[in-house]
């Protein structure tokens, strides 16, 4: 599922992603730059962002779409489309993306 398929755009203020990670059902909610939900998945999101920052000058490192901003120094969780990209990248199988409350 691509970001555009989910209906998340620049004006989105919140969304929820549900899916499967490591065989467990997980849910991550994004609301105006803050994420909440499954603690191990939230940890993985933060690790992805830190990894992007640590390897930003390495041309051999492939990055997920949402992590590109992190590599450039900005916070990808501030942008709804970039945040969706990162959340979807760390979930093994996304089953639903709901926009809004």
PDB file of N, CA and C in Angstrom:
ATOM      1  N   UNK A   1       0.850  -1.165   0.000  1.00  0.00           N
ATOM      2  CA  UNK A   1       0.000   0.000   0.000  1.00  0.00           C
ATOM      3  C   UNK A   1       0.894   1.227   0.000  1.00  0.00           C
ATOM      4  N   UNK A   2       0.775   2.071  -1.000  1.00  0.00           N
ATOM      5  CA  UNK A   2       1.558   3.295  -1.079  1.00  0.00           C
ATOM      6  C   UNK A   2       0.930   4.384  -0.247  1.00  0.00           C
ATOM      7  N   UNK A   3       1.702   5.411   0.032  1.00  0.00           N
ATOM      8  CA  UNK A   3       1.201   6.513   0.848  1.00  0.00           C
ATOM      9  C   UNK A   3      -0.018   7.165   0.227  1.00  0.00           C
ATOM     10  N   UNK A   4      -0.035   7.349  -1.096  1.00  0.00           N
ATOM     11  CA  UNK A   4      -1.168   8.005  -1.732  1.00  0.00           C
ATOM     12  C   UNK A   4      -2.428   7.154  -1.650  1.00  0.00           C
ATOM     13  N   UNK A   5      -2.273   5.836  -1.563  1.00  0.00           N
ATOM     14  CA  UNK A   5      -3.425   4.943  -1.451  1.00  0.00           C
ATOM     15  C   UNK A   5      -4.133   5.111  -0.112  1.00  0.00           C
ATOM     16  N   UNK A   6      -3.437   5.605   0.877  1.00  0.00           N
ATOM     17  CA  UNK A   6      -3.983   5.700   2.220  1.00  0.00           C
ATOM     18  C   UNK A   6      -4.798   6.966   2.442  1.00  0.00           C
ATOM     19  N   UNK A   7      -4.703   7.930   1.533  1.00  0.00           N
ATOM     20  CA  UNK A   7      -5.411   9.184   1.712  1.00  0.00           C
ATOM     21  C   UNK A   7      -4.708  10.146   2.653  1.00  0.00           C
ATOM     22  N   UNK A   8      -3.452   9.891   2.980  1.00  0.00           N
ATOM     23  CA  UNK A   8      -2.684  10.784   3.835  1.00  0.00           C
ATOM     24  C   UNK A   8      -2.014  11.819   2.942  1.00  0.00           C
ATOM     25  N   UNK A   9      -2.192  13.086   3.301  1.00  0.00           N
ATOM     26  CA  UNK A   9      -1.595  14.172   2.542  1.00  0.00           C
ATOM     27  C   UNK A   9      -1.058  15.239   3.464  1.00  0.00           C
ATOM     28  N   UNK A  10      -0.588  16.337   2.906  1.00  0.00           N
ATOM     29  CA  UNK A  10       0.014  17.398   3.717  1.00  0.00           C
ATOM     30  C   UNK A  10      -0.914  17.983   4.783  1.00  0.00           C
ATOM     31  N   UNK A  11      -2.222  17.954   4.551  1.00  0.00           N
ATOM     32  CA  UNK A  11      -3.169  18.535   5.506  1.00  0.00           C
ATOM     33  C   UNK A  11      -3.652  17.537   6.559  1.00  0.00           C
ATOM     34  N   UNK A  12      -3.203  16.295   6.482  1.00  0.00           N
ATOM     35  CA  UNK A  12      -3.627  15.267   7.439  1.00  0.00           C
ATOM     36  C   UNK A  12      -3.139  15.627   8.839  1.00  0.00           C
ATOM     37  N   UNK A  13      -4.027  15.505   9.818  1.00  0.00           N
ATOM     38  CA  UNK A  13      -3.647  15.798  11.205  1.00  0.00           C
ATOM     39  C   UNK A  13      -3.490  14.541  12.052  1.00  0.00           C
ATOM     40  N   UNK A  14      -4.057  13.418  11.594  1.00  0.00           N
ATOM     41  CA  UNK A  14      -3.874  12.169  12.330  1.00  0.00           C
ATOM     42  C   UNK A  14      -4.185  10.978  11.430  1.00  0.00           C
ATOM     43  N   UNK A  15      -3.537   9.876  11.733  1.00  0.00           N
ATOM     44  CA  UNK A  15      -3.840   8.615  11.054  1.00  0.00           C
ATOM     45  C   UNK A  15      -3.423   7.468  11.953  1.00  0.00           C
ATOM     46  N   UNK A  16      -3.986   6.308  11.673  1.00  0.00           N
ATOM     47  CA  UNK A  16      -3.660   5.094  12.411  1.00  0.00           C
ATOM     48  C   UNK A  16      -3.298   4.009  11.407  1.00  0.00           C
ATOM     49  N   UNK A  17      -2.198   3.329  11.663  1.00  0.00           N
ATOM     50  CA  UNK A  17      -1.755   2.221  10.824  1.00  0.00           C
ATOM     51  C   UNK A  17      -1.847   0.949  11.645  1.00  0.00           C
ATOM     52  N   UNK A  18      -2.521  -0.050  11.088  1.00  0.00           N
ATOM     53  CA  UNK A  18      -2.620  -1.361  11.726  1.00  0.00           C
ATOM     54  C   UNK A  18      -1.943  -2.379  10.832  1.00  0.00           C
ATOM     55  N   UNK A  19      -1.380  -3.397  11.450  1.00  0.00           N
ATOM     56  CA  UNK A  19      -0.734  -4.425  10.664  1.00  0.00           C
ATOM     57  C   UNK A  19      -0.110  -5.499  11.530  1.00  0.00           C
ATOM     58  N   UNK A  20       0.830  -6.203  10.926  1.00  0.00           N
ATOM     59  CA  UNK A  20       1.508  -7.314  11.590  1.00  0.00           C
ATOM     60  C   UNK A  20       3.007  -7.039  11.561  1.00  0.00           C
ATOM     61  N   UNK A  21       3.634  -7.171  12.732  1.00  0.00           N
ATOM     62  CA  UNK A  21       5.090  -7.055  12.820  1.00  0.00           C
ATOM     63  C   UNK A  21       5.592  -8.166  13.723  1.00  0.00           C
ATOM     64  N   UNK A  22       6.520  -8.948  13.193  1.00  0.00           N
ATOM     65  CA  UNK A  22       7.070 -10.103  13.927  1.00  0.00           C
ATOM     66  C   UNK A  22       5.980 -11.050  14.401  1.00  0.00           C
ATOM     67  N   UNK A  23       4.936 -11.197  13.600  1.00  0.00           N
ATOM     68  CA  UNK A  23       3.868 -12.130  13.913  1.00  0.00           C
ATOM     69  C   UNK A  23       2.811 -11.613  14.869  1.00  0.00           C
ATOM     70  N   UNK A  24       2.969 -10.385  15.345  1.00  0.00           N
ATOM     71  CA  UNK A  24       1.997  -9.812  16.279  1.00  0.00           C
ATOM     72  C   UNK A  24       1.218  -8.689  15.615  1.00  0.00           C
ATOM     73  N   UNK A  25      -0.046  -8.549  16.012  1.00  0.00           N
ATOM     74  CA  UNK A  25      -0.855  -7.442  15.540  1.00  0.00           C
ATOM     75  C   UNK A  25      -0.376  -6.167  16.234  1.00  0.00           C
ATOM     76  N   UNK A  26      -0.152  -5.112  15.450  1.00  0.00           N
ATOM     77  CA  UNK A  26       0.314  -3.847  16.008  1.00  0.00           C
ATOM     78  C   UNK A  26      -0.501  -2.694  15.443  1.00  0.00           C
ATOM     79  N   UNK A  27      -0.555  -1.627  16.206  1.00  0.00           N
ATOM     80  CA  UNK A  27      -1.214  -0.402  15.779  1.00  0.00           C
ATOM     81  C   UNK A  27      -0.323   0.764  16.172  1.00  0.00           C
ATOM     82  N   UNK A  28      -0.143   1.695  15.232  1.00  0.00           N
ATOM     83  CA  UNK A  28       0.605   2.913  15.507  1.00  0.00           C
ATOM     84  C   UNK A  28      -0.278   4.079  15.101  1.00  0.00           C
ATOM     85  N   UNK A  29      -0.409   5.029  15.999  1.00  0.00           N
ATOM     86  CA  UNK A  29      -1.204   6.231  15.721  1.00  0.00           C
ATOM     87  C   UNK A  29      -0.264   7.422  15.614  1.00  0.00           C
ATOM     88  N   UNK A  30      -0.466   8.224  14.574  1.00  0.00           N
ATOM     89  CA  UNK A  30       0.270   9.470  14.388  1.00  0.00           C
ATOM     90  C   UNK A  30      -0.712  10.616  14.567  1.00  0.00           C
ATOM     91  N   UNK A  31      -0.362  11.579  15.402  1.00  0.00           N
ATOM     92  CA  UNK A  31      -1.223  12.736  15.634  1.00  0.00           C
ATOM     93  C   UNK A  31      -0.351  13.982  15.743  1.00  0.00           C
ATOM     94  N   UNK A  32      -0.361  14.776  14.680  1.00  0.00           N
ATOM     95  CA  UNK A  32       0.370  16.058  14.634  1.00  0.00           C
ATOM     96  C   UNK A  32       1.832  15.931  15.049  1.00  0.00           C
ATOM     97  N   UNK A  33       2.501  14.919  14.553  1.00  0.00           N
ATOM     98  CA  UNK A  33       3.928  14.758  14.797  1.00  0.00           C
ATOM     99  C   UNK A  33       4.311  13.827  15.920  1.00  0.00           C
ATOM    100  N   UNK A  34       3.332  13.367  16.683  1.00  0.00           N
ATOM    101  CA  UNK A  34       3.616  12.444  17.787  1.00  0.00           C
ATOM    102  C   UNK A  34       3.079  11.066  17.448  1.00  0.00           C
ATOM    103  N   UNK A  35       3.856  10.032  17.760  1.00  0.00           N
ATOM    104  CA  UNK A  35       3.410   8.662  17.523  1.00  0.00           C
ATOM    105  C   UNK A  35       3.147   7.976  18.848  1.00  0.00           C
ATOM    106  N   UNK A  36       2.163   7.085  18.833  1.00  0.00           N
ATOM    107  CA  UNK A  36       1.841   6.274  20.005  1.00  0.00           C
ATOM    108  C   UNK A  36       1.415   4.906  19.509  1.00  0.00           C
ATOM    109  N   UNK A  37       1.419   3.944  20.413  1.00  0.00           N
ATOM    110  CA  UNK A  37       0.998   2.603  20.038  1.00  0.00           C
ATOM    111  C   UNK A  37       1.930   1.550  20.586  1.00  0.00           C
ATOM    112  N   UNK A  38       2.163   0.528  19.794  1.00  0.00           N
ATOM    113  CA  UNK A  38       2.972  -0.621  20.181  1.00  0.00           C
ATOM    114  C   UNK A  38       4.404  -0.190  20.515  1.00  0.00           C
ATOM    115  N   UNK A  39       4.828  -0.317  21.785  1.00  0.00           N
ATOM    116  CA  UNK A  39       6.147   0.182  22.185  1.00  0.00           C
ATOM    117  C   UNK A  39       7.333  -0.356  21.373  1.00  0.00           C
ATOM    118  N   UNK A  40       7.436  -1.662  21.080  1.00  0.00           N
ATOM    119  CA  UNK A  40       8.581  -2.108  20.289  1.00  0.00           C
ATOM    120  C   UNK A  40       8.583  -1.519  18.867  1.00  0.00           C
ATOM    121  N   UNK A  41       7.406  -1.308  18.307  1.00  0.00           N
ATOM    122  CA  UNK A  41       7.331  -0.705  16.977  1.00  0.00           C
ATOM    123  C   UNK A  41       7.746   0.760  17.039  1.00  0.00           C
ATOM    124  N   UNK A  42       7.355   1.462  18.083  1.00  0.00           N
ATOM    125  CA  UNK A  42       7.783   2.853  18.259  1.00  0.00           C
ATOM    126  C   UNK A  42       9.297   2.933  18.413  1.00  0.00           C
ATOM    127  N   UNK A  43       9.875   1.986  19.139  1.00  0.00           N
ATOM    128  CA  UNK A  43      11.337   1.936  19.275  1.00  0.00           C
ATOM    129  C   UNK A  43      11.998   1.746  17.918  1.00  0.00           C
ATOM    130  N   UNK A  44      11.428   0.879  17.096  1.00  0.00           N
ATOM    131  CA  UNK A  44      11.989   0.622  15.776  1.00  0.00           C
ATOM    132  C   UNK A  44      11.897   1.859  14.881  1.00  0.00           C
ATOM    133  N   UNK A  45      10.826   2.605  14.995  1.00  0.00           N
ATOM    134  CA  UNK A  45      10.686   3.860  14.243  1.00  0.00           C
ATOM    135  C   UNK A  45      11.822   4.812  14.620  1.00  0.00           C
ATOM    136  N   UNK A  46      12.065   4.962  15.913  1.00  0.00           N
ATOM    137  CA  UNK A  46      13.144   5.841  16.369  1.00  0.00           C
ATOM    138  C   UNK A  46      14.505   5.343  15.894  1.00  0.00           C
ATOM    139  N   UNK A  47      14.715   4.029  15.918  1.00  0.00           N
ATOM    140  CA  UNK A  47      15.980   3.468  15.435  1.00  0.00           C
ATOM    141  C   UNK A  47      16.179   3.739  13.948  1.00  0.00           C
ATOM    142  N   UNK A  48      15.124   3.619  13.152  1.00  0.00           N
ATOM    143  CA  UNK A  48      15.209   3.912  11.715  1.00  0.00           C
ATOM    144  C   UNK A  48      15.642   5.351  11.490  1.00  0.00           C
ATOM    145  N   UNK A  49      15.076   6.266  12.257  1.00  0.00           N
ATOM    146  CA  UNK A  49      15.420   7.678  12.122  1.00  0.00           C
ATOM    147  C   UNK A  49      16.879   7.913  12.521  1.00  0.00           C
ATOM    148  N   UNK A  50      17.304   7.333  13.629  1.00  0.00           N
ATOM    149  CA  UNK A  50      18.688   7.492  14.076  1.00  0.00           C
ATOM    150  C   UNK A  50      19.672   6.870  13.094  1.00  0.00           C
ATOM    151  N   UNK A  51      19.324   5.714  12.541  1.00  0.00           N
ATOM    152  CA  UNK A  51      20.187   5.056  11.560  1.00  0.00           C
ATOM    153  C   UNK A  51      20.353   5.951  10.332  1.00  0.00           C
ATOM    154  N   UNK A  52      19.271   6.563   9.896  1.00  0.00           N
ATOM    155  CA  UNK A  52      19.336   7.454   8.736  1.00  0.00           C
ATOM    156  C   UNK A  52      20.269   8.625   9.010  1.00  0.00           C
ATOM    157  N   UNK A  53      20.197   9.165  10.197  1.00  0.00           N
ATOM    158  CA  UNK A  53      21.075  10.292  10.548  1.00  0.00           C
ATOM    159  C   UNK A  53      22.530   9.862  10.618  1.00  0.00           C
ATOM    160  N   UNK A  54      22.764   8.680  11.153  1.00  0.00           N
ATOM    161  CA  UNK A  54      24.135   8.191  11.306  1.00  0.00           C
ATOM    162  C   UNK A  54      24.775   7.832   9.970  1.00  0.00           C
ATOM    163  N   UNK A  55      23.969   7.470   8.998  1.00  0.00           N
ATOM    164  CA  UNK A  55      24.512   7.017   7.707  1.00  0.00           C
ATOM    165  C   UNK A  55      24.202   7.986   6.571  1.00  0.00           C
ATOM    166  N   UNK A  56      23.850   9.210   6.899  1.00  0.00           N
ATOM    167  CA  UNK A  56      23.356  10.141   5.881  1.00  0.00           C
ATOM    168  C   UNK A  56      24.335  10.414   4.754  1.00  0.00           C
ATOM    169  N   UNK A  57      25.611  10.265   4.985  1.00  0.00           N
ATOM    170  CA  UNK A  57      26.591  10.548   3.929  1.00  0.00           C
ATOM    171  C   UNK A  57      27.049   9.299   3.187  1.00  0.00           C
ATOM    172  N   UNK A  58      26.497   8.160   3.539  1.00  0.00           N
ATOM    173  CA  UNK A  58      26.894   6.906   2.899  1.00  0.00           C
ATOM    174  C   UNK A  58      26.009   6.652   1.680  1.00  0.00           C
ATOM    175  N   UNK A  59      26.553   6.758   0.458  1.00  0.00           N
ATOM    176  CA  UNK A  59      25.735   6.588  -0.748  1.00  0.00           C
ATOM    177  C   UNK A  59      25.261   5.153  -0.967  1.00  0.00           C
ATOM    178  N   UNK A  60      25.818   4.206  -0.246  1.00  0.00           N
ATOM    179  CA  UNK A  60      25.442   2.811  -0.431  1.00  0.00           C
ATOM    180  C   UNK A  60      24.260   2.383   0.432  1.00  0.00           C
ATOM    181  N   UNK A  61      23.829   3.253   1.330  1.00  0.00           N
ATOM    182  CA  UNK A  61      22.721   2.924   2.224  1.00  0.00           C
ATOM    183  C   UNK A  61      21.409   3.286   1.542  1.00  0.00           C
ATOM    184  N   UNK A  62      20.507   2.297   1.448  1.00  0.00           N
ATOM    185  CA  UNK A  62      19.180   2.551   0.908  1.00  0.00           C
ATOM    186  C   UNK A  62      18.270   2.969   2.046  1.00  0.00           C
ATOM    187  N   UNK A  63      17.468   3.996   1.786  1.00  0.00           N
ATOM    188  CA  UNK A  63      16.577   4.502   2.823  1.00  0.00           C
ATOM    189  C   UNK A  63      15.127   4.343   2.417  1.00  0.00           C
ATOM    190  N   UNK A  64      14.275   4.145   3.406  1.00  0.00           N
ATOM    191  CA  UNK A  64      12.841   4.136   3.155  1.00  0.00           C
ATOM    192  C   UNK A  64      12.412   5.573   2.877  1.00  0.00           C
ATOM    193  N   UNK A  65      11.327   5.787   2.136  1.00  0.00           N
ATOM    194  CA  UNK A  65      10.939   7.147   1.758  1.00  0.00           C
ATOM    195  C   UNK A  65      10.824   8.125   2.929  1.00  0.00           C
ATOM    196  N   UNK A  66      10.237   7.719   4.011  1.00  0.00           N
ATOM    197  CA  UNK A  66      10.059   8.625   5.132  1.00  0.00           C
ATOM    198  C   UNK A  66      11.334   8.979   5.858  1.00  0.00           C
ATOM    199  N   UNK A  67      12.369   8.189   5.676  1.00  0.00           N
ATOM    200  CA  UNK A  67      13.607   8.393   6.417  1.00  0.00           C
ATOM    201  C   UNK A  67      14.544   9.357   5.699  1.00  0.00           C
ATOM    202  N   UNK A  68      14.255   9.700   4.467  1.00  0.00           N
ATOM    203  CA  UNK A  68      15.118  10.620   3.734  1.00  0.00           C
ATOM    204  C   UNK A  68      15.228  11.948   4.467  1.00  0.00           C
ATOM    205  N   UNK A  69      14.137  12.474   4.970  1.00  0.00           N
ATOM    206  CA  UNK A  69      14.172  13.745   5.700  1.00  0.00           C
ATOM    207  C   UNK A  69      15.023  13.631   6.951  1.00  0.00           C
ATOM    208  N   UNK A  70      14.963  12.501   7.612  1.00  0.00           N
ATOM    209  CA  UNK A  70      15.785  12.313   8.817  1.00  0.00           C
ATOM    210  C   UNK A  70      17.255  12.353   8.459  1.00  0.00           C
ATOM    211  N   UNK A  71      17.591  11.776   7.321  1.00  0.00           N
ATOM    212  CA  UNK A  71      18.978  11.772   6.885  1.00  0.00           C
ATOM    213  C   UNK A  71      19.451  13.188   6.589  1.00  0.00           C
ATOM    214  N   UNK A  72      18.530  14.046   6.189  1.00  0.00           N
ATOM    215  CA  UNK A  72      18.878  15.430   5.868  1.00  0.00           C
ATOM    216  C   UNK A  72      18.807  16.325   7.100  1.00  0.00           C
ATOM    217  N   UNK A  73      18.448  15.781   8.243  1.00  0.00           N
ATOM    218  CA  UNK A  73      18.464  16.538   9.483  1.00  0.00           C
ATOM    219  C   UNK A  73      17.115  16.990  10.003  1.00  0.00           C
ATOM    220  N   UNK A  74      16.063  16.907   9.206  1.00  0.00           N
ATOM    221  CA  UNK A  74      14.757  17.327   9.703  1.00  0.00           C
ATOM    222  C   UNK A  74      14.059  16.150  10.389  1.00  0.00           C
ATOM    223  N   UNK A  75      12.940  16.421  11.005  1.00  0.00           N
ATOM    224  CA  UNK A  75      12.199  15.388  11.723  1.00  0.00           C
ATOM    225  C   UNK A  75      11.096  14.843  10.822  1.00  0.00           C
ATOM    226  N   UNK A  76      11.238  13.619  10.323  1.00  0.00           N
ATOM    227  CA  UNK A  76      10.236  13.074   9.411  1.00  0.00           C
ATOM    228  C   UNK A  76       8.880  12.844  10.074  1.00  0.00           C
ATOM    229  N   UNK A  77       8.850  12.810  11.390  1.00  0.00           N
ATOM    230  CA  UNK A  77       7.577  12.597  12.072  1.00  0.00           C
ATOM    231  C   UNK A  77       6.719  13.865  12.080  1.00  0.00           C
ATOM    232  N   UNK A  78       7.282  15.001  11.701  1.00  0.00           N
ATOM    233  CA  UNK A  78       6.508  16.236  11.621  1.00  0.00           C
ATOM    234  C   UNK A  78       5.643  16.266  10.378  1.00  0.00           C
ATOM    235  N   UNK A  79       6.033  15.587   9.339  1.00  0.00           N
ATOM    236  CA  UNK A  79       5.317  15.572   8.064  1.00  0.00           C
ATOM    237  C   UNK A  79       4.469  14.306   7.974  1.00  0.00           C
ATOM    238  N   UNK A  80       3.149  14.424   7.747  1.00  0.00           N
ATOM    239  CA  UNK A  80       2.298  13.227   7.752  1.00  0.00           C
ATOM    240  C   UNK A  80       2.674  12.201   6.684  1.00  0.00           C
ATOM    241  N   UNK A  81       3.058  12.647   5.504  1.00  0.00           N
ATOM    242  CA  UNK A  81       3.401  11.692   4.440  1.00  0.00           C
ATOM    243  C   UNK A  81       4.706  10.966   4.740  1.00  0.00           C
ATOM    244  N   UNK A  82       5.688  11.696   5.256  1.00  0.00           N
ATOM    245  CA  UNK A  82       6.949  11.053   5.616  1.00  0.00           C
ATOM    246  C   UNK A  82       6.757  10.123   6.808  1.00  0.00           C
ATOM    247  N   UNK A  83       5.950  10.550   7.763  1.00  0.00           N
ATOM    248  CA  UNK A  83       5.682   9.707   8.929  1.00  0.00           C
ATOM    249  C   UNK A  83       4.999   8.409   8.505  1.00  0.00           C
ATOM    250  N   UNK A  84       4.041   8.515   7.591  1.00  0.00           N
ATOM    251  CA  UNK A  84       3.372   7.307   7.100  1.00  0.00           C
ATOM    252  C   UNK A  84       4.372   6.376   6.436  1.00  0.00           C
ATOM    253  N   UNK A  85       5.277   6.929   5.651  1.00  0.00           N
ATOM    254  CA  UNK A  85       6.298   6.110   4.992  1.00  0.00           C
ATOM    255  C   UNK A  85       7.154   5.347   5.974  1.00  0.00           C
ATOM    256  N   UNK A  86       7.553   6.007   7.022  1.00  0.00           N
ATOM    257  CA  UNK A  86       8.397   5.357   8.029  1.00  0.00           C
ATOM    258  C   UNK A  86       7.626   4.312   8.809  1.00  0.00           C
ATOM    259  N   UNK A  87       6.388   4.633   9.204  1.00  0.00           N
ATOM    260  CA  UNK A  87       5.579   3.674   9.959  1.00  0.00           C
ATOM    261  C   UNK A  87       5.324   2.429   9.115  1.00  0.00           C
ATOM    262  N   UNK A  88       4.959   2.620   7.867  1.00  0.00           N
ATOM    263  CA  UNK A  88       4.688   1.471   6.985  1.00  0.00           C
ATOM    264  C   UNK A  88       5.948   0.654   6.714  1.00  0.00           C
ATOM    265  N   UNK A  89       7.103   1.312   6.722  1.00  0.00           N
ATOM    266  CA  UNK A  89       8.363   0.602   6.464  1.00  0.00           C
ATOM    267  C   UNK A  89       8.741  -0.337   7.601  1.00  0.00           C
ATOM    268  N   UNK A  90       8.357  -0.013   8.827  1.00  0.00           N
ATOM    269  CA  UNK A  90       8.762  -0.862   9.954  1.00  0.00           C
ATOM    270  C   UNK A  90       7.731  -1.938  10.285  1.00  0.00           C
ATOM    271  N   UNK A  91       6.548  -1.831   9.708  1.00  0.00           N
ATOM    272  CA  UNK A  91       5.525  -2.861   9.912  1.00  0.00           C
ATOM    273  C   UNK A  91       5.646  -3.865   8.775  1.00  0.00           C
ATOM    274  N   UNK A  92       5.723  -5.143   9.112  1.00  0.00           N
ATOM    275  CA  UNK A  92       5.928  -6.181   8.100  1.00  0.00           C
ATOM    276  C   UNK A  92       4.802  -6.229   7.071  1.00  0.00           C
ATOM    277  N   UNK A  93       3.559  -6.177   7.548  1.00  0.00           N
ATOM    278  CA  UNK A  93       2.406  -6.221   6.642  1.00  0.00           C
ATOM    279  C   UNK A  93       1.345  -5.247   7.144  1.00  0.00           C
ATOM    280  N   UNK A  94       1.136  -4.187   6.383  1.00  0.00           N
ATOM    281  CA  UNK A  94       0.127  -3.193   6.746  1.00  0.00           C
ATOM    282  C   UNK A  94      -1.231  -3.714   6.304  1.00  0.00           C
ATOM    283  N   UNK A  95      -2.195  -3.726   7.218  1.00  0.00           N
ATOM    284  CA  UNK A  95      -3.525  -4.215   6.893  1.00  0.00           C
ATOM    285  C   UNK A  95      -4.558  -3.099   6.771  1.00  0.00           C
ATOM    286  N   UNK A  96      -4.252  -1.925   7.397  1.00  0.00           N
ATOM    287  CA  UNK A  96      -5.212  -0.826   7.329  1.00  0.00           C
ATOM    288  C   UNK A  96      -4.532   0.492   7.673  1.00  0.00           C
ATOM    289  N   UNK A  97      -4.929   1.531   6.950  1.00  0.00           N
ATOM    290  CA  UNK A  97      -4.532   2.897   7.285  1.00  0.00           C
ATOM    291  C   UNK A  97      -5.807   3.707   7.360  1.00  0.00           C
ATOM    292  N   UNK A  98      -6.077   4.273   8.529  1.00  0.00           N
ATOM    293  CA  UNK A  98      -7.279   5.075   8.743  1.00  0.00           C
ATOM    294  C   UNK A  98      -6.860   6.518   8.973  1.00  0.00           C
ATOM    295  N   UNK A  99      -7.452   7.431   8.227  1.00  0.00           N
ATOM    296  CA  UNK A  99      -7.133   8.855   8.366  1.00  0.00           C
ATOM    297  C   UNK A  99      -8.170   9.495   9.264  1.00  0.00           C
ATOM    298  N   UNK A 100      -7.698  10.378  10.167  1.00  0.00           N
ATOM    299  CA  UNK A 100      -8.610  11.103  11.055  1.00  0.00           C
ATOM    300  C   UNK A 100      -8.771  10.412  12.382  1.00  0.00           C
ATOM    301  N   UNK A 101      -9.696  10.946  13.159  1.00  0.00           N
ATOM    302  CA  UNK A 101      -9.913  10.437  14.515  1.00  0.00           C
ATOM    303  C   UNK A 101     -10.675   9.146  14.553  1.00  0.00           C
TER     304      UNK A 101
END
